[in-house]
Structure formats: structure tokens, C-alpha cells
Amino acid sequence: MMLSQHKGKTGLRRLINAFGYSISGLRAAYHLEDAFRQEIVLAAVLIPAALLLPLAATGRALLLASVFLVLIVELLNSAIEAAVDRISLDNHELTKLAKNIGSAAVMLSLVCMAVVWIIVLAG
């Protein structure tokens, strides 16, 4: 059973298409979302720092994962906002709720990242 006519590709063609869609999504987020650009700048500082700090592999992995978590959650939040805006630009309590919850998820991912960095660096 096929759920969508757009889901028909398989194998290598599907992987190539998925990669292209992912790159397109990253570009769109970078060009359209100020918060994503700010978090990319933060990641551009923190990722090299995580790689250069004298840490065990586990600590390094935790630092890197926490940075990528922020970017992932921001992308999901941006997708939620785009979908909600596509449905309606009217002020509605459910629109506000969806956007506020997405924003809260981003905030928690940033807090998580800060806590992980503090714990790992404090040793």
C-alpha cells in the first residue's frame, strides 16, 4: 500500500533524492531563519572547540551531540512554524500554542547543551 504518490522511489534513487531534499532544507533554514543562522555561528565556534579540547571520546561525543541537537530541534521548530503558517496566518490560540511549544523545545535544547558543556568541561 502506497500512502503517497511522492513516496514511490526506492534504492539509490531514493537516497539521492532524500539527500537533495535535505540540502535544500538546510539552505532554506539558513536563508530564512535568523535563529538557525545564529545557532550555526554558535556551532561554528563550538564544534571546533569540541574537537580541539583534550577530552576522552565520550566527552567529545557528548559536546558534539549537544550542539547538533540544538540545530535539529531548531529545524523541527522551523518546520512546525512553516506548516502552521501554511494552514493560516490568522491569530489563533492553537497557532500560538504550536509555536510556543516549538520555541520551548529549542530553549530546552539550548539549556541541555549548556548543561552538557558545563558538566564535561568541569570534569
C-alpha atoms as a PDB file:
ATOM      1  CA  MET A   1       0.000   0.000   0.000  1.00  0.00           C
ATOM      2  CA  MET A   2       1.433   3.375  -1.034  1.00  0.00           C
ATOM      3  CA  LEU A   3       0.472   6.265   1.255  1.00  0.00           C
ATOM      4  CA  SER A   4       1.637   8.988  -1.121  1.00  0.00           C
ATOM      5  CA  GLN A   5       2.376   9.202  -4.811  1.00  0.00           C
ATOM      6  CA  HIS A   6       5.581  11.046  -3.847  1.00  0.00           C
ATOM      7  CA  LYS A   7       6.919   8.069  -1.911  1.00  0.00           C
ATOM      8  CA  GLY A   8       7.439   5.782  -4.917  1.00  0.00           C
ATOM      9  CA  LYS A   9      11.219   5.971  -5.282  1.00  0.00           C
ATOM     10  CA  THR A  10      13.354   3.190  -3.836  1.00  0.00           C
ATOM     11  CA  GLY A  11      17.003   2.230  -3.582  1.00  0.00           C
ATOM     12  CA  LEU A  12      19.790   4.549  -4.652  1.00  0.00           C
ATOM     13  CA  ARG A  13      17.404   6.995  -6.384  1.00  0.00           C
ATOM     14  CA  ARG A  14      15.544   7.486  -3.087  1.00  0.00           C
ATOM     15  CA  LEU A  15      18.793   8.124  -1.225  1.00  0.00           C
ATOM     16  CA  ILE A  16      19.947  10.656  -3.819  1.00  0.00           C
ATOM     17  CA  ASN A  17      16.585  12.439  -3.747  1.00  0.00           C
ATOM     18  CA  ALA A  18      16.497  12.449   0.067  1.00  0.00           C
ATOM     19  CA  PHE A  19      19.995  13.930   0.221  1.00  0.00           C
ATOM     20  CA  GLY A  20      18.969  16.675  -2.208  1.00  0.00           C
ATOM     21  CA  TYR A  21      15.837  17.469  -0.192  1.00  0.00           C
ATOM     22  CA  SER A  22      17.903  17.618   2.989  1.00  0.00           C
ATOM     23  CA  ILE A  23      20.421  20.038   1.481  1.00  0.00           C
ATOM     24  CA  SER A  24      17.540  22.149   0.177  1.00  0.00           C
ATOM     25  CA  GLY A  25      16.017  22.222   3.661  1.00  0.00           C
ATOM     26  CA  LEU A  26      19.305  23.263   5.251  1.00  0.00           C
ATOM     27  CA  ARG A  27      19.719  26.048   2.703  1.00  0.00           C
ATOM     28  CA  ALA A  28      16.164  27.264   3.234  1.00  0.00           C
ATOM     29  CA  ALA A  29      16.580  27.278   7.013  1.00  0.00           C
ATOM     30  CA  TYR A  30      19.852  29.164   6.727  1.00  0.00           C
ATOM     31  CA  HIS A  31      18.427  31.800   4.389  1.00  0.00           C
ATOM     32  CA  LEU A  32      15.003  32.190   6.015  1.00  0.00           C
ATOM     33  CA  GLU A  33      15.525  31.614   9.738  1.00  0.00           C
ATOM     34  CA  ASP A  34      17.539  34.110  11.806  1.00  0.00           C
ATOM     35  CA  ALA A  35      17.659  31.774  14.811  1.00  0.00           C
ATOM     36  CA  PHE A  36      19.113  28.945  12.684  1.00  0.00           C
ATOM     37  CA  ARG A  37      21.823  31.271  11.360  1.00  0.00           C
ATOM     38  CA  GLN A  38      22.691  32.329  14.918  1.00  0.00           C
ATOM     39  CA  GLU A  39      22.886  28.702  16.007  1.00  0.00           C
ATOM     40  CA  ILE A  40      25.082  27.877  13.007  1.00  0.00           C
ATOM     41  CA  VAL A  41      27.501  30.604  14.145  1.00  0.00           C
ATOM     42  CA  LEU A  42      27.447  29.096  17.644  1.00  0.00           C
ATOM     43  CA  ALA A  43      28.059  25.639  16.162  1.00  0.00           C
ATOM     44  CA  ALA A  44      30.933  27.005  14.048  1.00  0.00           C
ATOM     45  CA  VAL A  45      32.637  28.014  17.307  1.00  0.00           C
ATOM     46  CA  LEU A  46      31.667  25.060  19.486  1.00  0.00           C
ATOM     47  CA  ILE A  47      32.305  22.183  17.062  1.00  0.00           C
ATOM     48  CA  PRO A  48      35.986  23.055  16.503  1.00  0.00           C
ATOM     49  CA  ALA A  49      36.344  23.679  20.254  1.00  0.00           C
ATOM     50  CA  ALA A  50      34.912  20.233  20.995  1.00  0.00           C
ATOM     51  CA  LEU A  51      37.325  18.677  18.522  1.00  0.00           C
ATOM     52  CA  LEU A  52      40.362  20.529  19.861  1.00  0.00           C
ATOM     53  CA  LEU A  53      39.779  20.197  23.607  1.00  0.00           C
ATOM     54  CA  PRO A  54      41.784  17.446  25.321  1.00  0.00           C
ATOM     55  CA  LEU A  55      38.849  15.177  26.134  1.00  0.00           C
ATOM     56  CA  ALA A  56      38.035  11.498  26.101  1.00  0.00           C
ATOM     57  CA  ALA A  57      35.986  10.319  23.141  1.00  0.00           C
ATOM     58  CA  THR A  58      32.825  10.117  25.248  1.00  0.00           C
ATOM     59  CA  GLY A  59      33.114  13.726  26.397  1.00  0.00           C
ATOM     60  CA  ARG A  60      33.830  14.892  22.863  1.00  0.00           C
ATOM     61  CA  ALA A  61      30.824  12.960  21.562  1.00  0.00           C
ATOM     62  CA  LEU A  62      28.559  14.497  24.213  1.00  0.00           C
ATOM     63  CA  LEU A  63      29.710  18.017  23.344  1.00  0.00           C
ATOM     64  CA  LEU A  64      29.188  17.456  19.624  1.00  0.00           C
ATOM     65  CA  ALA A  65      25.820  15.718  20.073  1.00  0.00           C
ATOM     66  CA  SER A  66      24.527  18.565  22.232  1.00  0.00           C
ATOM     67  CA  VAL A  67      25.415  21.114  19.542  1.00  0.00           C
ATOM     68  CA  PHE A  68      23.777  19.056  16.793  1.00  0.00           C
ATOM     69  CA  LEU A  69      20.706  18.559  18.996  1.00  0.00           C
ATOM     70  CA  VAL A  70      20.154  22.336  19.064  1.00  0.00           C
ATOM     71  CA  LEU A  71      20.356  22.516  15.259  1.00  0.00           C
ATOM     72  CA  ILE A  72      17.999  19.564  14.836  1.00  0.00           C
ATOM     73  CA  VAL A  73      15.411  20.970  17.229  1.00  0.00           C
ATOM     74  CA  GLU A  74      15.617  24.389  15.538  1.00  0.00           C
ATOM     75  CA  LEU A  75      14.982  22.748  12.151  1.00  0.00           C
ATOM     76  CA  LEU A  76      11.951  20.908  13.550  1.00  0.00           C
ATOM     77  CA  ASN A  77      10.660  24.121  15.135  1.00  0.00           C
ATOM     78  CA  SER A  78      11.047  25.952  11.824  1.00  0.00           C
ATOM     79  CA  ALA A  79       9.175  23.162  10.041  1.00  0.00           C
ATOM     80  CA  ILE A  80       6.329  23.361  12.569  1.00  0.00           C
ATOM     81  CA  GLU A  81       6.137  27.136  12.153  1.00  0.00           C
ATOM     82  CA  ALA A  82       6.106  26.849   8.347  1.00  0.00           C
ATOM     83  CA  ALA A  83       3.352  24.215   8.428  1.00  0.00           C
ATOM     84  CA  VAL A  84       1.251  26.251  10.859  1.00  0.00           C
ATOM     85  CA  ASP A  85       1.713  29.403   8.769  1.00  0.00           C
ATOM     86  CA  ARG A  86       0.752  27.442   5.631  1.00  0.00           C
ATOM     87  CA  ILE A  87      -2.540  26.488   7.237  1.00  0.00           C
ATOM     88  CA  SER A  88      -3.404  30.028   8.318  1.00  0.00           C
ATOM     89  CA  LEU A  89      -1.779  33.309   9.200  1.00  0.00           C
ATOM     90  CA  ASP A  90      -4.750  34.235  11.388  1.00  0.00           C
ATOM     91  CA  ASN A  91      -4.132  34.708  15.097  1.00  0.00           C
ATOM     92  CA  HIS A  92      -5.423  31.574  16.771  1.00  0.00           C
ATOM     93  CA  GLU A  93      -4.736  30.099  20.188  1.00  0.00           C
ATOM     94  CA  LEU A  94      -3.651  26.755  18.670  1.00  0.00           C
ATOM     95  CA  THR A  95      -1.225  28.531  16.328  1.00  0.00           C
ATOM     96  CA  LYS A  96       0.257  30.361  19.295  1.00  0.00           C
ATOM     97  CA  LEU A  97       0.386  27.115  21.274  1.00  0.00           C
ATOM     98  CA  ALA A  98       2.198  25.216  18.499  1.00  0.00           C
ATOM     99  CA  LYS A  99       4.744  27.990  18.020  1.00  0.00           C
ATOM    100  CA  ASN A 100       5.308  28.457  21.754  1.00  0.00           C
ATOM    101  CA  ILE A 101       5.823  24.739  22.308  1.00  0.00           C
ATOM    102  CA  GLY A 102       8.289  24.600  19.407  1.00  0.00           C
ATOM    103  CA  SER A 103      10.133  27.567  20.883  1.00  0.00           C
ATOM    104  CA  ALA A 104      10.199  25.857  24.272  1.00  0.00           C
ATOM    105  CA  ALA A 105      11.776  22.793  22.674  1.00  0.00           C
ATOM    106  CA  VAL A 106      14.536  24.951  21.207  1.00  0.00           C
ATOM    107  CA  MET A 107      15.104  26.631  24.576  1.00  0.00           C
ATOM    108  CA  LEU A 108      15.354  23.267  26.341  1.00  0.00           C
ATOM    109  CA  SER A 109      17.837  22.009  23.754  1.00  0.00           C
ATOM    110  CA  LEU A 110      19.980  25.099  24.386  1.00  0.00           C
ATOM    111  CA  VAL A 111      19.778  24.546  28.162  1.00  0.00           C
ATOM    112  CA  CYS A 112      20.691  20.882  27.607  1.00  0.00           C
ATOM    113  CA  MET A 113      23.692  21.924  25.529  1.00  0.00           C
ATOM    114  CA  ALA A 114      24.872  24.371  28.190  1.00  0.00           C
ATOM    115  CA  VAL A 115      24.498  21.772  30.948  1.00  0.00           C
ATOM    116  CA  VAL A 116      26.384  19.141  28.932  1.00  0.00           C
ATOM    117  CA  TRP A 117      29.230  21.558  28.193  1.00  0.00           C
ATOM    118  CA  ILE A 118      29.455  22.624  31.844  1.00  0.00           C
ATOM    119  CA  ILE A 119      29.474  19.047  33.131  1.00  0.00           C
ATOM    120  CA  VAL A 120      32.012  17.781  30.577  1.00  0.00           C
ATOM    121  CA  LEU A 121      34.353  20.759  30.957  1.00  0.00           C
ATOM    122  CA  ALA A 122      34.099  20.743  34.759  1.00  0.00           C
ATOM    123  CA  GLY A 123      35.126  17.096  34.612  1.00  0.00           C
END
